[in-house]
Amino acid sequence: MLQITSIVLVLLLSSFPHLPWAMLNLTLPSAHPDPEFVAQEVRRRVNASVFRREMLQTTQRDQSSSPLCFTGNPIDDCWKCDPDWPNNRQRLADCAIGFGQYAMGGKNGDYYIVTDSSDDDAVNPKPGTLRYAVIREEPLWIVFPSNMHIKLEQELIFNSFKTIDGRGANVHITGGGCITLQYISNVIIHNVHIHHCVPSGNTNVRSSPTHYGYRTKSDGDGISIFGAKDIWIDHCTLSHCTDGLIDAVMGSTGITISNNFFSHHNEVMLLGHSDEYLPDSGMQVTIAFNHFGEQLVQRMPRCRRGYIHVVNNDFTEWEMYAIGGSGHPTINSQGNRYVAPSNPNAKQVRTQKF
C-alpha cells in the first residue's frame, strides 16, 4: 500500500548571511520586488476559485439547474468557463497566475494557422509551418486546424510575443531540440504534447526573419528557457526527453509552469544554471497545479538560487526525491500532495545541498 501524505509547508533555503544575493532579485527586468506578495496573491486566487466551486455546487444541488462551471482552478475558471472560448482564444493571455502572469504571448496579434507539419529547412522555413511562425517579429497567436505531429529536425527557436495554442487539436512536438526560448520574452505555450526530444545542432538555424546562425549541439530538452522572461507553460504534457523536460537558466525569470503532466523521465525540471551563477538569484518561478506522474526520478524541480513557489501540485511518483535545492534558493512549497513510493529507500520528499 502506498503511503499518502498531504503536506503544507514553507521551505526557506536561505539565510541572512546570503541576503546580498537575494537582493539581486531587484536587478532583473521582470523580477518582482516583493515575491512573497505574488505567492500570497496566488493563494488568494486559488482559495477564491475553490470557494466559488463550493458555492456553485451548492446552488446546483438546491436548484437542480443545468451544469455549471466549477473547476477550483483560477486559470481554468478564467477561460474554460466561457462556452465561446474557441471564438475568444486570446482571452487566455489574461488567465495566468504567479510570476508568469505578465506573459502576453501573441495577444492582440494576428492568428496564424499551422497548415504544414513538416520541418525540412531550419534556415528557410516554409510558410504554413510552425517554424515559420515562431521566428516572425510581430506578435502571433498560433493555432492548429487539426491533429498534427511535428517532428523537428533542429531546435525550434522562438522570437518574442508568440502563443502556441493547441486547444481543439492533438498536437505533438518531437525530434531535434525541441523548443528553445533564448533571450526573448512574452511566450505562452498551451495544450501541446512535447516528448522524445533529442540533441541536435552543429548546423545553421534561423531565429528571426533577418538572422540565422550556427548552433552547437543542443541538450535535448523539451523546453529550454535561457535568459528569457515572461514565460507561461500551461496544460502541456512532457515526457521522454534526453535532458530536462523544462530547464530555465541564465537569469531567466517571470515564469509560470502550470497544469502540466510530467512522466517517464529522470531529471524533470532544472531551475538555475549552477550554484555559483549569481544572476539566477533573481529567478522567480511559479509551479502550480501540475501532475508529476509515473516513472519520474528527480528534480520536480531542482532549484538553484531564486524564489520558487511550488503550490497545489500532485506528486504521485518519484524514485529519488521530489523537490531539491542548492545555492540558497527560497522554495515556498504550499498545498502539495505527495504520494510516497513503495521503495522504503526512496521516500524522501526533498533534498538540499549547500
Protein backbone atom coordinates (compact mmCIF):
# COMPACT_ATOMS: atom_id res chain seq x y z
CA MET A 1 0.00 0.00 0.00
CA LEU A 2 1.40 3.40 -0.97
CA GLN A 3 1.73 5.92 1.78
CA ILE A 4 -0.25 9.09 1.03
CA THR A 5 0.90 12.26 2.69
CA SER A 6 -0.63 15.72 2.38
CA ILE A 7 1.88 18.44 3.20
CA VAL A 8 1.60 22.19 3.51
CA LEU A 9 4.95 23.75 4.26
CA VAL A 10 7.25 26.63 3.56
CA LEU A 11 10.89 25.83 2.95
CA LEU A 12 13.24 28.76 3.20
CA LEU A 13 16.57 27.51 1.94
CA SER A 14 18.28 30.81 2.60
CA SER A 15 19.95 32.59 5.47
CA PHE A 16 20.78 36.12 6.49
CA PRO A 17 24.47 35.92 5.54
CA HIS A 18 23.33 35.50 1.94
CA LEU A 19 20.93 38.45 1.92
CA PRO A 20 23.03 40.38 -0.66
CA TRP A 21 22.41 37.54 -3.13
CA ALA A 22 18.66 37.78 -2.58
CA MET A 23 18.84 41.49 -3.31
CA LEU A 24 19.83 40.57 -6.85
CA ASN A 25 16.11 39.84 -7.36
CA LEU A 26 15.75 43.56 -7.99
CA THR A 27 18.29 43.64 -10.81
CA LEU A 28 16.45 41.51 -13.37
CA PRO A 29 13.96 43.33 -15.62
CA SER A 30 10.99 41.08 -14.79
CA ALA A 31 11.80 40.30 -11.16
CA HIS A 32 9.02 41.32 -8.79
CA PRO A 33 10.29 43.42 -5.86
CA ASP A 34 8.05 41.51 -3.41
CA PRO A 35 7.86 37.81 -4.37
CA GLU A 36 6.00 36.97 -1.15
CA PHE A 37 3.17 39.22 -2.30
CA VAL A 38 2.96 37.31 -5.60
CA ALA A 39 2.82 34.00 -3.73
CA GLN A 40 0.09 35.30 -1.43
CA GLU A 41 -1.92 36.52 -4.41
CA VAL A 42 -1.73 33.06 -5.97
CA ARG A 43 -3.08 31.53 -2.77
CA ARG A 44 -5.85 34.14 -2.62
CA ARG A 45 -6.93 33.35 -6.18
CA VAL A 46 -6.81 29.61 -5.54
CA ASN A 47 -8.93 29.98 -2.40
CA ALA A 48 -11.42 32.19 -4.25
CA SER A 49 -11.75 29.61 -7.03
CA VAL A 50 -12.30 26.78 -4.55
CA PHE A 51 -14.91 28.85 -2.69
CA ARG A 52 -16.66 29.61 -5.99
CA ARG A 53 -16.75 25.90 -6.83
CA GLU A 54 -18.27 25.04 -3.46
CA MET A 55 -20.93 27.74 -3.81
CA LEU A 56 -21.85 26.67 -7.35
CA GLN A 57 -22.07 23.03 -6.32
CA THR A 58 -24.46 24.00 -3.53
CA THR A 59 -26.51 26.13 -5.93
CA GLN A 60 -26.76 23.31 -8.44
CA ARG A 61 -27.92 20.83 -5.80
CA ASP A 62 -30.52 23.24 -4.44
CA GLN A 63 -31.91 24.39 -7.79
CA SER A 64 -31.37 21.29 -9.97
CA SER A 65 -30.14 23.68 -12.62
CA SER A 66 -28.16 22.88 -15.75
CA PRO A 67 -24.47 22.01 -15.23
CA LEU A 68 -22.38 24.94 -14.04
CA CYS A 69 -18.67 25.54 -14.48
CA PHE A 70 -16.68 24.94 -11.32
CA THR A 71 -13.06 23.93 -11.70
CA GLY A 72 -11.46 25.04 -8.43
CA ASN A 73 -8.59 26.28 -10.57
CA PRO A 74 -8.30 30.05 -11.19
CA ILE A 75 -6.60 29.55 -14.55
CA ASP A 76 -9.31 27.26 -15.89
CA ASP A 77 -12.07 29.39 -14.36
CA CYS A 78 -10.76 32.25 -16.48
CA TRP A 79 -11.20 30.62 -19.90
CA LYS A 80 -12.84 27.18 -19.64
CA CYS A 81 -16.00 28.62 -18.15
CA ASP A 82 -16.55 30.65 -21.31
CA PRO A 83 -18.60 28.40 -23.63
CA ASP A 84 -17.50 30.57 -26.55
CA TRP A 85 -13.76 30.26 -25.84
CA PRO A 86 -12.95 28.98 -29.38
CA ASN A 87 -14.02 32.39 -30.66
CA ASN A 88 -12.25 34.24 -27.87
CA ARG A 89 -8.93 32.41 -27.72
CA GLN A 90 -6.79 35.40 -26.84
CA ARG A 91 -8.57 35.80 -23.53
CA LEU A 92 -6.21 33.05 -22.38
CA ALA A 93 -3.43 35.65 -22.14
CA ASP A 94 -5.26 37.20 -19.16
CA CYS A 95 -5.52 33.93 -17.23
CA ALA A 96 -2.01 33.22 -15.92
CA ILE A 97 -1.19 33.38 -12.23
CA GLY A 98 2.07 33.84 -10.37
CA PHE A 99 5.33 35.15 -11.71
CA GLY A 100 4.48 34.44 -15.35
CA GLN A 101 1.21 36.36 -15.23
CA TYR A 102 2.57 39.17 -17.41
CA ALA A 103 3.37 36.89 -20.35
CA MET A 104 1.32 38.35 -23.20
CA GLY A 105 2.23 35.82 -25.85
CA GLY A 106 0.71 36.85 -29.15
CA LYS A 107 -2.14 38.84 -27.62
CA ASN A 108 -3.55 41.49 -29.98
CA GLY A 109 -1.61 39.94 -32.84
CA ASP A 110 -2.88 38.11 -35.90
CA TYR A 111 -3.89 34.46 -35.87
CA TYR A 112 -1.52 32.14 -37.70
CA ILE A 113 -2.83 28.72 -38.75
CA VAL A 114 -0.27 25.92 -38.98
CA THR A 115 -1.18 24.01 -42.14
CA ASP A 116 2.10 22.15 -42.77
CA SER A 117 3.59 19.74 -40.22
CA SER A 118 6.94 19.44 -42.00
CA ASP A 119 10.24 20.85 -40.74
CA ASP A 120 12.58 20.35 -43.67
CA ASP A 121 14.62 23.56 -43.62
CA ALA A 122 15.75 25.25 -40.39
CA VAL A 123 17.20 28.25 -42.25
CA ASN A 124 14.43 28.95 -44.77
CA PRO A 125 11.22 27.51 -43.30
CA LYS A 126 8.15 27.31 -45.49
CA PRO A 127 5.09 29.49 -44.86
CA GLY A 128 2.44 27.42 -43.12
CA THR A 129 4.93 25.59 -40.90
CA LEU A 130 5.28 26.11 -37.16
CA ARG A 131 8.91 27.17 -37.56
CA TYR A 132 7.94 29.92 -40.00
CA ALA A 133 5.53 31.33 -37.41
CA VAL A 134 7.67 31.31 -34.27
CA ILE A 135 10.55 33.29 -35.83
CA ARG A 136 8.38 36.22 -37.02
CA GLU A 137 9.00 39.64 -35.47
CA GLU A 138 5.32 40.51 -34.92
CA PRO A 139 3.02 39.09 -32.21
CA LEU A 140 1.25 35.94 -33.42
CA TRP A 141 -1.40 33.65 -31.93
CA ILE A 142 -0.56 30.26 -33.45
CA VAL A 143 -3.34 27.66 -33.79
CA PHE A 144 -3.81 24.26 -35.41
CA PRO A 145 -6.83 23.31 -37.55
CA SER A 146 -6.46 19.57 -36.92
CA ASN A 147 -4.37 16.96 -35.14
CA MET A 148 -0.71 17.24 -36.03
CA HIS A 149 2.65 15.58 -35.33
CA ILE A 150 5.56 17.95 -35.91
CA LYS A 151 8.90 16.16 -35.94
CA LEU A 152 11.62 18.79 -35.64
CA GLU A 153 14.88 18.43 -37.50
CA GLN A 154 16.57 21.12 -35.36
CA GLU A 155 15.72 23.06 -32.21
CA LEU A 156 12.72 25.34 -32.63
CA ILE A 157 13.99 28.82 -31.72
CA PHE A 158 11.25 31.30 -30.80
CA ASN A 159 11.05 35.03 -31.25
CA SER A 160 9.21 37.16 -28.66
CA PHE A 161 5.43 37.64 -28.38
CA LYS A 162 4.22 34.25 -29.55
CA THR A 163 1.46 31.94 -28.33
CA ILE A 164 1.23 28.28 -29.30
CA ASP A 165 -2.42 27.39 -28.68
CA GLY A 166 -3.11 23.69 -29.19
CA ARG A 167 -6.68 23.74 -27.85
CA GLY A 168 -9.10 21.83 -30.06
CA ALA A 169 -6.39 19.67 -31.65
CA ASN A 170 -3.99 16.93 -30.60
CA VAL A 171 -0.57 18.44 -31.34
CA HIS A 172 2.68 16.55 -30.76
CA ILE A 173 6.14 18.13 -31.00
CA THR A 174 9.08 15.71 -31.06
CA GLY A 175 12.55 15.36 -32.53
CA GLY A 176 15.60 17.60 -32.53
CA GLY A 177 15.84 20.27 -29.89
CA CYS A 178 12.96 20.70 -29.06
CA ILE A 179 11.80 24.23 -28.02
CA THR A 180 14.32 27.00 -27.29
CA LEU A 181 13.35 30.32 -25.68
CA GLN A 182 16.63 32.24 -25.65
CA TYR A 183 16.96 35.93 -24.72
CA ILE A 184 13.32 36.63 -25.59
CA SER A 185 10.14 37.49 -23.70
CA ASN A 186 6.37 37.03 -23.70
CA VAL A 187 5.76 33.46 -24.81
CA ILE A 188 2.76 31.25 -23.97
CA ILE A 189 2.85 27.52 -24.76
CA HIS A 190 -0.53 25.90 -24.17
CA ASN A 191 -2.00 22.43 -24.67
CA VAL A 192 0.63 20.62 -26.73
CA HIS A 193 2.44 17.31 -26.21
CA ILE A 194 6.24 17.61 -26.12
CA HIS A 195 8.16 14.35 -25.98
CA HIS A 196 11.06 12.28 -27.31
CA CYS A 197 13.26 15.34 -27.75
CA VAL A 198 16.86 14.54 -28.65
CA PRO A 199 20.06 16.57 -29.12
CA SER A 200 20.52 18.32 -32.45
CA GLY A 201 22.68 21.11 -33.83
CA ASN A 202 26.11 21.64 -35.37
CA THR A 203 24.32 23.45 -38.15
CA ASN A 204 22.68 26.77 -39.01
CA VAL A 205 19.23 27.57 -37.57
CA ARG A 206 17.15 30.70 -38.16
CA SER A 207 15.96 32.65 -35.10
CA SER A 208 14.31 35.64 -36.84
CA PRO A 209 13.48 36.76 -40.38
CA THR A 210 16.78 38.64 -40.52
CA HIS A 211 19.13 36.33 -38.63
CA TYR A 212 20.34 32.77 -38.66
CA GLY A 213 23.46 31.38 -37.07
CA TYR A 214 25.46 28.30 -36.28
CA ARG A 215 24.11 26.30 -33.36
CA THR A 216 26.28 23.89 -31.42
CA LYS A 217 24.83 20.62 -30.17
CA SER A 218 21.73 21.11 -28.02
CA ASP A 219 20.99 19.16 -24.84
CA GLY A 220 17.72 17.61 -25.95
CA ASP A 221 15.48 19.50 -23.51
CA GLY A 222 11.73 19.54 -24.03
CA ILE A 223 11.68 23.30 -23.38
CA SER A 224 14.88 25.26 -22.79
CA ILE A 225 14.41 28.72 -21.22
CA PHE A 226 17.71 30.60 -21.49
CA GLY A 227 17.96 34.22 -20.37
CA ALA A 228 14.25 34.69 -21.10
CA LYS A 229 11.45 36.39 -19.18
CA ASP A 230 7.64 36.46 -19.01
CA ILE A 231 7.06 32.83 -19.98
CA TRP A 232 3.93 30.74 -19.31
CA ILE A 233 3.74 26.98 -19.99
CA ASP A 234 0.26 25.59 -19.33
CA HIS A 235 -1.75 22.40 -19.93
CA CYS A 236 1.06 20.60 -21.76
CA THR A 237 2.31 17.03 -21.41
CA LEU A 238 6.05 16.41 -21.35
CA SER A 239 7.97 13.13 -21.28
CA HIS A 240 10.84 11.04 -22.69
CA CYS A 241 13.45 13.73 -23.43
CA THR A 242 17.22 13.31 -23.42
CA ASP A 243 17.99 16.01 -20.85
CA GLY A 244 15.40 18.04 -18.91
CA LEU A 245 11.71 18.31 -19.65
CA ILE A 246 11.87 22.01 -18.74
CA ASP A 247 15.11 23.82 -17.90
CA ALA A 248 15.23 27.54 -17.01
CA VAL A 249 18.72 29.00 -16.63
CA MET A 250 21.00 32.00 -17.17
CA GLY A 251 18.94 34.71 -15.48
CA SER A 252 15.52 33.63 -16.74
CA THR A 253 12.65 34.96 -14.63
CA GLY A 254 8.93 35.76 -14.61
CA ILE A 255 7.90 32.15 -15.32
CA THR A 256 4.74 30.17 -14.57
CA ILE A 257 4.57 26.41 -15.19
CA SER A 258 1.00 25.24 -14.58
CA ASN A 259 -1.47 22.42 -15.22
CA ASN A 260 1.10 20.23 -16.97
CA PHE A 261 1.54 16.46 -16.84
CA PHE A 262 5.10 15.16 -16.48
CA SER A 263 6.01 11.48 -16.79
CA HIS A 264 8.67 8.96 -17.87
CA HIS A 265 11.79 10.98 -17.20
CA ASN A 266 14.82 11.22 -14.95
CA GLU A 267 15.79 14.88 -14.43
CA VAL A 268 12.43 16.58 -14.81
CA MET A 269 12.97 20.30 -14.22
CA LEU A 270 16.09 22.37 -13.54
CA LEU A 271 15.79 25.97 -12.35
CA GLY A 272 19.16 27.72 -12.28
CA HIS A 273 22.39 27.29 -14.22
CA SER A 274 24.67 26.50 -11.28
CA ASP A 275 25.10 27.23 -7.59
CA GLU A 276 27.71 29.85 -8.47
CA TYR A 277 25.78 31.73 -11.17
CA LEU A 278 24.68 34.87 -9.31
CA PRO A 279 22.15 36.27 -11.85
CA ASP A 280 19.91 33.26 -11.17
CA SER A 281 19.36 34.69 -7.68
CA GLY A 282 16.75 36.87 -9.38
CA MET A 283 14.89 33.93 -10.91
CA GLN A 284 11.20 33.84 -9.90
CA VAL A 285 9.08 30.84 -10.91
CA THR A 286 5.57 29.65 -10.04
CA ILE A 287 4.90 25.90 -10.34
CA ALA A 288 1.18 25.28 -9.85
CA PHE A 289 -1.47 22.60 -10.48
CA ASN A 290 0.94 20.21 -12.20
CA HIS A 291 0.80 16.43 -12.01
CA PHE A 292 4.16 14.74 -11.59
CA GLY A 293 3.28 11.22 -12.68
CA GLU A 294 4.67 7.79 -13.37
CA GLN A 295 8.30 6.84 -13.85
CA LEU A 296 9.83 10.13 -12.73
CA VAL A 297 13.08 10.07 -10.78
CA GLN A 298 14.10 13.52 -9.51
CA ARG A 299 14.11 17.32 -9.98
CA MET A 300 10.43 18.26 -9.58
CA PRO A 301 12.02 20.83 -9.57
CA ARG A 302 15.73 21.15 -8.74
CA CYS A 303 16.21 24.77 -7.64
CA ARG A 304 19.47 26.70 -7.71
CA ARG A 305 19.03 30.19 -6.29
CA GLY A 306 15.97 32.37 -6.88
CA TYR A 307 12.44 32.30 -5.43
CA ILE A 308 10.39 29.26 -6.42
CA HIS A 309 6.71 28.92 -5.45
CA VAL A 310 5.56 25.28 -5.64
CA VAL A 311 1.82 25.26 -4.97
CA ASN A 312 -1.08 22.78 -5.31
CA ASN A 313 0.82 20.17 -7.31
CA ASP A 314 0.22 16.43 -7.25
CA PHE A 315 3.35 14.30 -6.82
CA THR A 316 2.38 10.67 -7.35
CA GLU A 317 5.71 9.02 -8.03
CA TRP A 318 9.46 9.58 -7.74
CA GLU A 319 12.48 7.31 -7.40
CA MET A 320 15.00 9.61 -5.65
CA TYR A 321 13.34 12.80 -4.38
CA ALA A 322 10.68 15.30 -5.43
CA ILE A 323 11.97 18.82 -4.69
CA GLY A 324 15.65 19.70 -4.43
CA GLY A 325 17.56 22.87 -3.68
CA SER A 326 21.10 24.22 -3.55
CA GLY A 327 22.77 27.61 -3.83
CA HIS A 328 20.43 29.04 -1.16
CA PRO A 329 17.15 29.34 -3.08
CA THR A 330 13.87 30.22 -1.41
CA ILE A 331 11.40 27.38 -2.03
CA ASN A 332 7.87 28.21 -0.90
CA SER A 333 6.03 24.87 -1.02
CA GLN A 334 2.30 25.04 -0.22
CA GLY A 335 -0.70 22.75 -0.52
CA ASN A 336 1.01 19.98 -2.48
CA ARG A 337 0.09 16.30 -2.28
CA TYR A 338 2.88 13.74 -2.06
CA VAL A 339 2.32 10.01 -2.58
CA ALA A 340 5.49 8.34 -1.36
CA PRO A 341 6.85 5.44 -3.45
CA SER A 342 6.70 1.93 -2.06
CA ASN A 343 10.50 1.69 -2.03
CA PRO A 344 11.48 2.39 1.62
CA ASN A 345 14.77 3.93 0.44
CA ALA A 346 13.10 6.47 -1.86
CA LYS A 347 10.53 8.22 0.32
CA GLN A 348 12.46 11.49 0.54
CA VAL A 349 10.24 14.40 -0.50
CA ARG A 350 13.00 16.99 -0.61
CA THR A 351 16.76 17.21 -0.67
CA GLN A 352 19.01 20.19 -0.12
CA LYS A 353 22.70 20.80 -0.59
CA PHE A 354 24.81 23.76 0.49
